[in-house]
Protein backbone atom coordinates (compact mmCIF):
# COMPACT_ATOMS: atom_id res chain seq x y z
CA MET A 1 24.35 30.97 5.28
CA PRO A 2 25.87 29.84 8.55
CA ARG A 3 23.86 27.59 10.87
CA TYR A 4 24.47 29.93 13.80
CA GLU A 5 25.25 33.62 14.07
CA PHE A 6 27.45 34.47 17.04
CA GLU A 7 28.35 37.65 18.94
CA VAL A 8 31.58 37.81 20.92
CA VAL A 9 30.81 38.50 24.48
CA GLU A 10 34.36 38.20 25.77
CA GLU A 11 37.81 37.19 24.53
CA TYR A 12 40.43 36.44 27.12
CA PHE A 13 43.52 34.32 28.11
CA LEU A 14 43.29 31.78 30.98
CA ASN A 15 46.08 29.54 32.04
CA GLY A 16 47.82 30.03 28.71
CA GLU A 17 44.67 29.28 26.63
CA HIS A 18 42.96 31.78 24.31
CA ARG A 19 39.20 31.59 25.10
CA TYR A 20 36.03 33.07 23.72
CA ARG A 21 32.59 33.49 25.11
CA LEU A 22 30.15 33.59 22.20
CA ARG A 23 26.44 34.33 22.37
CA VAL A 24 23.97 32.93 19.82
CA LYS A 25 22.36 36.07 18.27
CA GLY A 26 18.75 36.49 19.33
CA THR A 27 19.10 34.26 22.34
CA ASN A 28 20.64 34.25 25.83
CA VAL A 29 22.58 31.08 24.88
CA ILE A 30 26.34 31.53 25.57
CA VAL A 31 29.09 29.06 24.66
CA ASN A 32 32.54 29.18 26.11
CA VAL A 33 35.35 27.55 24.05
CA SER A 34 39.15 27.49 23.75
CA ALA A 35 40.45 28.41 20.23
CA ASP A 36 43.28 30.17 18.56
CA THR A 37 41.06 32.23 16.17
CA LEU A 38 37.55 33.58 16.18
CA ASP A 39 36.64 31.35 13.20
CA GLU A 40 37.84 28.27 15.11
CA ALA A 41 35.82 29.36 18.19
CA ALA A 42 32.68 29.79 16.07
CA SER A 43 33.18 26.28 14.51
CA LYS A 44 33.79 24.69 17.94
CA ALA A 45 30.71 26.50 19.38
CA ALA A 46 28.49 25.41 16.52
CA GLY A 47 29.80 21.84 16.93
CA LEU A 48 29.02 21.84 20.60
CA LEU A 49 25.43 23.17 20.01
CA ASP A 50 24.92 20.53 17.44
CA LYS A 51 26.19 17.82 19.69
CA THR A 52 24.08 18.82 22.75
CA LYS A 53 21.06 19.73 20.65
CA ALA A 54 20.54 22.57 23.04
CA TYR A 55 19.89 25.13 20.41
CA ARG A 56 16.89 23.25 19.06
CA GLN A 57 15.33 23.14 22.43
CA PHE A 58 15.40 26.89 22.68
CA LYS A 59 14.22 27.55 19.12
CA GLY A 60 11.77 24.70 18.78
CA GLY A 61 11.85 22.16 16.00
CA PRO A 62 11.94 18.38 15.46
CA ASP A 63 13.78 17.65 18.79
CA GLY A 64 12.56 20.54 20.80
CA ALA A 65 9.08 21.35 19.54
CA GLN A 66 7.38 24.03 21.61
CA GLY A 67 3.69 24.58 21.64
């Protein structure tokens, strides 16, 4: 099972780049990435969320416990 489930908000070209805006399902978190394919965009978005640890802050957990 994937770490994150994304919904495509927008797919567009800007300055010669293919870009995607992806929303993490069940949240209002949107990630904007440049990628050639949707799979690459999802991989980049997941990496960005892991790197920033932002997702854990919204969902709660070891680094973002809510209570």
